Amino acid sequence: MPGTILIVDDNAIFRQTLWSYIERNTDWQVCGEAENGKVAVEQVEEMHPEVVILGLHLPILDGLEAAGQIKKLAPNTTMLMLTAHIGKRLLNNAQAAGIRNVLLRSDGIAEYLLACLKSLHIERGDLLSIETSR
C-alpha cells in the first residue's frame, strides 16, 4: 500500500508540479495540499498523512511553527522541509521542530526528494519501486 503525502507551499504552481512529479515517479500518493501552515495542521489532523513536505516561508504559520504543531498532533508523521537557503541555525530549528530532512530547493531537488521518499519506503519495509526519470 503506497504511503500518503501532504504538500505544503504558498505557491500553487509549485504544489501542483511537485504533486504531479511525485505521483509520476513514485508509489507514494499525494493526499492533499495546503497553502499555509495553519491549513497544513488542519489537513494533518483530518487526513493523517505519513509524510508532510513543508515550505519554510508560509503565511499564517511558517513551516517551522507548523512543524512544531504537527509534531505534537501526529508524532509519527515524517516531515521534510524545502527551502532556498540552508544554514546551521535553520537545521537546528528544523530538528527541534521534528523535521527529518531539510532539502535545498534547487535544480536537483527532484532527485533529492525521490531519494528521501525511497529511504522512507525502505524504513517502512516496503519493496515499492521508485523510478528516476532523466
C-alpha atoms as a PDB file:
ATOM      1  CA  MET A   1       0.000   0.000   0.000  1.00  0.00           C
ATOM      2  CA  PRO A   2       1.515   3.339  -1.007  1.00  0.00           C
ATOM      3  CA  GLY A   3       2.244   5.957   1.624  1.00  0.00           C
ATOM      4  CA  THR A   4       0.472   9.283   1.674  1.00  0.00           C
ATOM      5  CA  ILE A   5       1.960  12.760   1.375  1.00  0.00           C
ATOM      6  CA  LEU A   6       0.662  16.250   2.139  1.00  0.00           C
ATOM      7  CA  ILE A   7       2.350  19.062   0.177  1.00  0.00           C
ATOM      8  CA  VAL A   8       2.501  22.469   1.865  1.00  0.00           C
ATOM      9  CA  ASP A   9       3.735  25.518  -0.041  1.00  0.00           C
ATOM     10  CA  ASP A  10       2.397  29.012  -0.676  1.00  0.00           C
ATOM     11  CA  ASN A  11       2.943  28.665  -4.435  1.00  0.00           C
ATOM     12  CA  ALA A  12       0.061  26.782  -6.100  1.00  0.00           C
ATOM     13  CA  ILE A  13       2.028  26.052  -9.279  1.00  0.00           C
ATOM     14  CA  PHE A  14       4.900  24.578  -7.266  1.00  0.00           C
ATOM     15  CA  ARG A  15       2.463  22.402  -5.257  1.00  0.00           C
ATOM     16  CA  GLN A  16       0.852  21.067  -8.410  1.00  0.00           C
ATOM     17  CA  THR A  17       4.197  20.444 -10.103  1.00  0.00           C
ATOM     18  CA  LEU A  18       5.522  18.595  -7.067  1.00  0.00           C
ATOM     19  CA  TRP A  19       2.283  16.603  -6.753  1.00  0.00           C
ATOM     20  CA  SER A  20       2.461  15.522 -10.379  1.00  0.00           C
ATOM     21  CA  TYR A  21       6.165  14.665 -10.152  1.00  0.00           C
ATOM     22  CA  ILE A  22       5.746  12.539  -7.014  1.00  0.00           C
ATOM     23  CA  GLU A  23       2.837  10.563  -8.390  1.00  0.00           C
ATOM     24  CA  ARG A  24       4.507  10.045 -11.771  1.00  0.00           C
ATOM     25  CA  ASN A  25       7.812   8.845 -10.337  1.00  0.00           C
ATOM     26  CA  THR A  26       6.983   7.068  -7.083  1.00  0.00           C
ATOM     27  CA  ASP A  27       4.439   4.776  -5.485  1.00  0.00           C
ATOM     28  CA  TRP A  28       3.549   7.479  -2.972  1.00  0.00           C
ATOM     29  CA  GLN A  29       0.081   9.027  -3.171  1.00  0.00           C
ATOM     30  CA  VAL A  30      -0.415  12.740  -2.554  1.00  0.00           C
ATOM     31  CA  CYS A  31      -3.493  13.005  -0.346  1.00  0.00           C
ATOM     32  CA  GLY A  32      -3.730  16.782  -0.302  1.00  0.00           C
ATOM     33  CA  GLU A  33      -2.136  20.185  -0.331  1.00  0.00           C
ATOM     34  CA  ALA A  34      -2.122  23.302   1.808  1.00  0.00           C
ATOM     35  CA  GLU A  35      -1.189  26.903   1.057  1.00  0.00           C
ATOM     36  CA  ASN A  36      -0.210  27.886   4.605  1.00  0.00           C
ATOM     37  CA  GLY A  37       0.888  26.383   7.903  1.00  0.00           C
ATOM     38  CA  LYS A  38      -2.494  26.685   9.596  1.00  0.00           C
ATOM     39  CA  VAL A  39      -4.245  24.733   6.855  1.00  0.00           C
ATOM     40  CA  ALA A  40      -1.394  22.191   6.928  1.00  0.00           C
ATOM     41  CA  VAL A  41      -2.001  21.459  10.614  1.00  0.00           C
ATOM     42  CA  GLU A  42      -5.737  21.088   9.948  1.00  0.00           C
ATOM     43  CA  GLN A  43      -5.065  18.760   6.982  1.00  0.00           C
ATOM     44  CA  VAL A  44      -2.731  16.577   9.059  1.00  0.00           C
ATOM     45  CA  GLU A  45      -5.412  16.209  11.703  1.00  0.00           C
ATOM     46  CA  GLU A  46      -8.012  15.299   9.065  1.00  0.00           C
ATOM     47  CA  MET A  47      -6.003  13.137   6.634  1.00  0.00           C
ATOM     48  CA  HIS A  48      -3.215  11.595   8.758  1.00  0.00           C
ATOM     49  CA  PRO A  49      -0.549  11.630   6.009  1.00  0.00           C
ATOM     50  CA  GLU A  50       2.628   9.654   6.559  1.00  0.00           C
ATOM     51  CA  VAL A  51       4.790  12.454   5.136  1.00  0.00           C
ATOM     52  CA  VAL A  52       4.385  16.228   5.100  1.00  0.00           C
ATOM     53  CA  ILE A  53       6.538  18.255   2.705  1.00  0.00           C
ATOM     54  CA  LEU A  54       6.681  21.809   4.075  1.00  0.00           C
ATOM     55  CA  GLY A  55       7.964  25.030   2.626  1.00  0.00           C
ATOM     56  CA  LEU A  56       9.784  27.216   5.132  1.00  0.00           C
ATOM     57  CA  HIS A  57       8.222  30.584   4.337  1.00  0.00           C
ATOM     58  CA  LEU A  58       4.465  30.142   4.647  1.00  0.00           C
ATOM     59  CA  PRO A  59       1.712  32.598   5.511  1.00  0.00           C
ATOM     60  CA  ILE A  60      -0.124  32.473   8.873  1.00  0.00           C
ATOM     61  CA  LEU A  61       2.194  29.814  10.396  1.00  0.00           C
ATOM     62  CA  ASP A  62       5.631  29.395   8.858  1.00  0.00           C
ATOM     63  CA  GLY A  63       6.979  25.914   8.174  1.00  0.00           C
ATOM     64  CA  LEU A  64       8.815  25.644  11.494  1.00  0.00           C
ATOM     65  CA  GLU A  65       5.776  26.718  13.532  1.00  0.00           C
ATOM     66  CA  ALA A  66       3.540  24.329  11.608  1.00  0.00           C
ATOM     67  CA  ALA A  67       6.058  21.507  12.077  1.00  0.00           C
ATOM     68  CA  GLY A  68       6.065  22.060  15.823  1.00  0.00           C
ATOM     69  CA  GLN A  69       2.275  21.741  15.941  1.00  0.00           C
ATOM     70  CA  ILE A  70       2.280  18.723  13.627  1.00  0.00           C
ATOM     71  CA  LYS A  71       4.908  17.011  15.795  1.00  0.00           C
ATOM     72  CA  LYS A  72       2.599  17.336  18.819  1.00  0.00           C
ATOM     73  CA  LEU A  73      -0.512  16.339  16.875  1.00  0.00           C
ATOM     74  CA  ALA A  74       0.977  13.457  14.856  1.00  0.00           C
ATOM     75  CA  PRO A  75       4.380  12.481  16.263  1.00  0.00           C
ATOM     76  CA  ASN A  76       4.843   9.597  13.811  1.00  0.00           C
ATOM     77  CA  THR A  77       4.410  11.800  10.740  1.00  0.00           C
ATOM     78  CA  THR A  78       7.650  12.335   8.833  1.00  0.00           C
ATOM     79  CA  MET A  79       8.285  15.941   7.862  1.00  0.00           C
ATOM     80  CA  LEU A  80      10.584  17.179   5.116  1.00  0.00           C
ATOM     81  CA  MET A  81      11.290  20.871   4.559  1.00  0.00           C
ATOM     82  CA  LEU A  82      12.083  22.604   1.275  1.00  0.00           C
ATOM     83  CA  THR A  83      13.897  25.933   1.391  1.00  0.00           C
ATOM     84  CA  ALA A  84      16.020  28.203  -0.800  1.00  0.00           C
ATOM     85  CA  HIS A  85      18.748  28.662   1.847  1.00  0.00           C
ATOM     86  CA  ILE A  86      20.107  26.268   4.447  1.00  0.00           C
ATOM     87  CA  GLY A  87      22.142  27.346   7.426  1.00  0.00           C
ATOM     88  CA  LYS A  88      23.168  25.816  10.735  1.00  0.00           C
ATOM     89  CA  ARG A  89      20.525  27.772  12.669  1.00  0.00           C
ATOM     90  CA  LEU A  90      17.750  26.584  10.335  1.00  0.00           C
ATOM     91  CA  LEU A  91      18.953  22.987  10.587  1.00  0.00           C
ATOM     92  CA  ASN A  92      18.953  23.175  14.393  1.00  0.00           C
ATOM     93  CA  ASN A  93      15.478  24.778  14.475  1.00  0.00           C
ATOM     94  CA  ALA A  94      14.148  22.249  11.974  1.00  0.00           C
ATOM     95  CA  GLN A  95      15.462  19.333  14.004  1.00  0.00           C
ATOM     96  CA  ALA A  96      13.920  20.779  17.179  1.00  0.00           C
ATOM     97  CA  ALA A  97      10.573  21.121  15.360  1.00  0.00           C
ATOM     98  CA  GLY A  98      10.656  17.456  14.333  1.00  0.00           C
ATOM     99  CA  ILE A  99      11.672  17.878  10.710  1.00  0.00           C
ATOM    100  CA  ARG A 100      13.601  14.883   9.439  1.00  0.00           C
ATOM    101  CA  ASN A 101      15.373  16.417   6.406  1.00  0.00           C
ATOM    102  CA  VAL A 102      15.822  19.936   5.073  1.00  0.00           C
ATOM    103  CA  LEU A 103      16.217  19.936   1.311  1.00  0.00           C
ATOM    104  CA  LEU A 104      17.610  22.784  -0.737  1.00  0.00           C
ATOM    105  CA  ARG A 105      15.103  23.986  -3.303  1.00  0.00           C
ATOM    106  CA  SER A 106      17.423  23.874  -6.298  1.00  0.00           C
ATOM    107  CA  ASP A 107      17.752  22.292  -9.704  1.00  0.00           C
ATOM    108  CA  GLY A 108      18.422  18.869  -8.168  1.00  0.00           C
ATOM    109  CA  ILE A 109      15.533  18.958  -5.689  1.00  0.00           C
ATOM    110  CA  ALA A 110      13.556  16.285  -7.521  1.00  0.00           C
ATOM    111  CA  GLU A 111      16.327  13.708  -7.195  1.00  0.00           C
ATOM    112  CA  TYR A 112      16.932  14.535  -3.518  1.00  0.00           C
ATOM    113  CA  LEU A 113      13.227  14.277  -2.791  1.00  0.00           C
ATOM    114  CA  LEU A 114      12.934  10.928  -4.575  1.00  0.00           C
ATOM    115  CA  ALA A 115      15.913   9.619  -2.588  1.00  0.00           C
ATOM    116  CA  CYS A 116      14.239  10.691   0.685  1.00  0.00           C
ATOM    117  CA  LEU A 117      10.948   9.059  -0.284  1.00  0.00           C
ATOM    118  CA  LYS A 118      12.744   5.872  -1.316  1.00  0.00           C
ATOM    119  CA  SER A 119      14.531   5.802   2.026  1.00  0.00           C
ATOM    120  CA  LEU A 120      11.191   6.160   3.830  1.00  0.00           C
ATOM    121  CA  HIS A 121       9.764   3.206   1.877  1.00  0.00           C
ATOM    122  CA  ILE A 122      12.761   1.084   2.863  1.00  0.00           C
ATOM    123  CA  GLU A 123      12.275   2.011   6.519  1.00  0.00           C
ATOM    124  CA  ARG A 124       8.594   1.045   6.274  1.00  0.00           C
ATOM    125  CA  GLY A 125       9.681  -2.313   4.895  1.00  0.00           C
ATOM    126  CA  ASP A 126       8.062  -1.681   1.536  1.00  0.00           C
ATOM    127  CA  LEU A 127       9.559  -3.008  -1.652  1.00  0.00           C
ATOM    128  CA  LEU A 128       7.836  -0.410  -3.802  1.00  0.00           C
ATOM    129  CA  SER A 129       9.581   0.851  -6.864  1.00  0.00           C
ATOM    130  CA  ILE A 130      10.749   4.380  -7.332  1.00  0.00           C
ATOM    131  CA  GLU A 131      11.851   5.360 -10.775  1.00  0.00           C
ATOM    132  CA  THR A 132      14.018   8.325 -11.586  1.00  0.00           C
ATOM    133  CA  SER A 133      13.417   9.975 -14.895  1.00  0.00           C
ATOM    134  CA  ARG A 134      16.062  11.971 -16.680  1.00  0.00           C
END
